[in-house]
Amino acid sequence: MEQTKQNVKPELSALKLEQLNKQPIIETSMQVSEDGKWLVHKTTITDIKPLSYIKKVLGSK
């Protein structure tokens, strides 16, 4: 018996898309130093929060 394979592309639910949008943005870059002795690996994490959240966490002063 021969089974047919279907090209099924998984779709993300609205909940999953919302969760992914809340995650921080992580960017990395690598370069060799000018003298060629070192590898510089730089990671930047960008996390966006509403100002109202920050005020509640830190307490308004």
Protein backbone atom coordinates (compact mmCIF):
# COMPACT_ATOMS: atom_id res chain seq x y z
CA MET A 1 0.00 0.00 0.00
CA GLU A 2 1.45 3.34 -1.08
CA GLN A 3 0.95 6.36 1.12
CA THR A 4 0.79 9.81 -0.37
CA LYS A 5 2.70 12.57 1.37
CA GLN A 6 1.11 15.96 1.59
CA ASN A 7 3.02 19.19 1.89
CA VAL A 8 1.50 20.48 5.07
CA LYS A 9 2.97 23.74 6.35
CA PRO A 10 2.45 24.19 10.06
CA GLU A 11 0.81 27.50 10.90
CA LEU A 12 1.36 29.36 14.13
CA SER A 13 -1.65 30.13 16.27
CA ALA A 14 -2.48 33.69 17.28
CA LEU A 15 -1.40 32.88 20.85
CA LYS A 16 2.00 31.62 19.70
CA LEU A 17 2.54 34.69 17.51
CA GLU A 18 1.71 36.93 20.49
CA GLN A 19 4.21 35.01 22.65
CA LEU A 20 6.93 35.32 20.02
CA ASN A 21 6.35 39.07 19.68
CA LYS A 22 6.88 39.50 23.43
CA GLN A 23 10.29 37.83 23.40
CA PRO A 24 13.45 39.94 23.41
CA ILE A 25 15.33 40.55 20.17
CA ILE A 26 18.78 38.95 20.23
CA GLU A 27 21.45 40.08 17.77
CA THR A 28 24.99 38.75 17.54
CA SER A 29 28.01 39.83 15.54
CA MET A 30 31.54 38.50 15.31
CA GLN A 31 34.65 40.16 14.00
CA VAL A 32 38.39 39.73 14.19
CA SER A 33 40.38 42.42 16.00
CA GLU A 34 42.53 44.81 13.98
CA ASP A 35 45.73 43.02 15.01
CA GLY A 36 44.20 39.64 14.09
CA LYS A 37 44.76 38.13 17.53
CA TRP A 38 41.24 38.20 18.92
CA LEU A 39 37.74 37.23 17.95
CA VAL A 40 35.20 39.75 19.23
CA HIS A 41 31.76 38.20 19.74
CA LYS A 42 29.16 40.82 20.60
CA THR A 43 25.60 40.01 21.73
CA THR A 44 22.88 42.63 22.04
CA ILE A 45 19.58 41.86 23.77
CA THR A 46 16.76 44.32 23.12
CA ASP A 47 13.70 44.02 25.32
CA ILE A 48 10.83 46.48 24.86
CA LYS A 49 8.52 47.14 27.80
CA PRO A 50 5.79 49.74 28.28
CA LEU A 51 6.76 52.68 30.44
CA SER A 52 3.82 51.98 32.76
CA TYR A 53 5.36 48.57 33.55
CA ILE A 54 8.72 50.12 34.39
CA LYS A 55 7.09 52.72 36.63
CA LYS A 56 5.25 50.00 38.56
CA VAL A 57 8.35 47.85 38.97
CA LEU A 58 10.65 50.69 40.03
CA GLY A 59 7.99 52.72 41.81
CA SER A 60 7.36 56.27 40.75
CA LYS A 61 9.71 58.72 42.43
